[in-house]
């Protein structure tokens, strides 16, 4: 809004995402009332999980129909702010109807291909890291195993970054399906034998076991359990409803061999699950995200003023760049060659190895 006001451009806010776009739900955005908006968490425009293309036979025809809504809303151009679902709609409108749209990457999961970081990611990472730091106090006092479930449907950036930051003892992410016996039970046994009295397991909500492990090690769920999960309006499975942290707790409580290993070392065996969920969206944004949000907003308005539609603003290194929406909205995942993968594995292994009796 800062650049818009300086350029004499009037801004309109569309409420509830694509739902508001379809239903003409708008509010005026007055810079005098929102000049400190970057210091506030969340969104004053609200959100929804509305997919305008759900069930349509022709995306091209629907895109043209949606683009005509610009006249109804009395807008000349649209800045879409969101993740791959939200920006994917904008990209389809541009592709089929040459809609005057520009994208801004905003997703807590940081899983957009076209940018190194989205604003909001680092604030959420810090919140999750702080939560695990605080849980360590209870874990140490009561000799507990805490399984902390962190947001992340099919990308593990939040879990990986916050888990490493907080020094979590086991980190489970969707990109690397886990073996319950090898990656959890065996590690806990090695840790307790090395003298550790408490343990923090960080798991993404979308983390899941290898099929071999699922069939061999799990008593409380099966592949059918996962296959039957409900899906959202964009067709994504609602993995949060699976409750992976509680499943891990239930499975651990069935392991008499693990209980015996703990008791042999004079340690109480007590497991608890903690689901951080939407607490990770709470509070005020950190300085990095405040400044990144402002930089993205400035860059997006410049694209509008220059008529460079069909693009998304992006953070590449420490510079703001522009990428085509079609490239920017692709999904991004942690890959095997990422140094965070190596750090995770070293944190797990070296700590118990260094304390072996």
Foldseek 3Di string as FASTA:
>chain_A
DVVCVVVVHWDKAQAAAVVSLVVVRIDGDDCVVCVPVLFAFDDPRYHHQDQQCFPDPDLLVSLQVSLVSCVVNVHQAEEFEEALRRLVNVLSSCVRPVGRYEYEYADLQQFWQFANGHFLVVLLLVVLLVVLLVVVVVCVVQLEEEEEEDEDAQACPSQLSSCLSNLAQATFHNVDAAQLVPRPLVLLLLQVLLPDRGGYYYYYLNHHHDQVNQVVQADPDHPVLQVPADAGSVRRGPSNVVVVRVSSVVSVVVDPVSCVSNVVSVHHYHYDYHYCPCVSSDDTGDPVSSVVVVVQVVVRVVCSVVSVGQWYWYHDPNDIDIDGSVRRNDTHHDDPPDVSVVSNVCSNPVVSVVSND
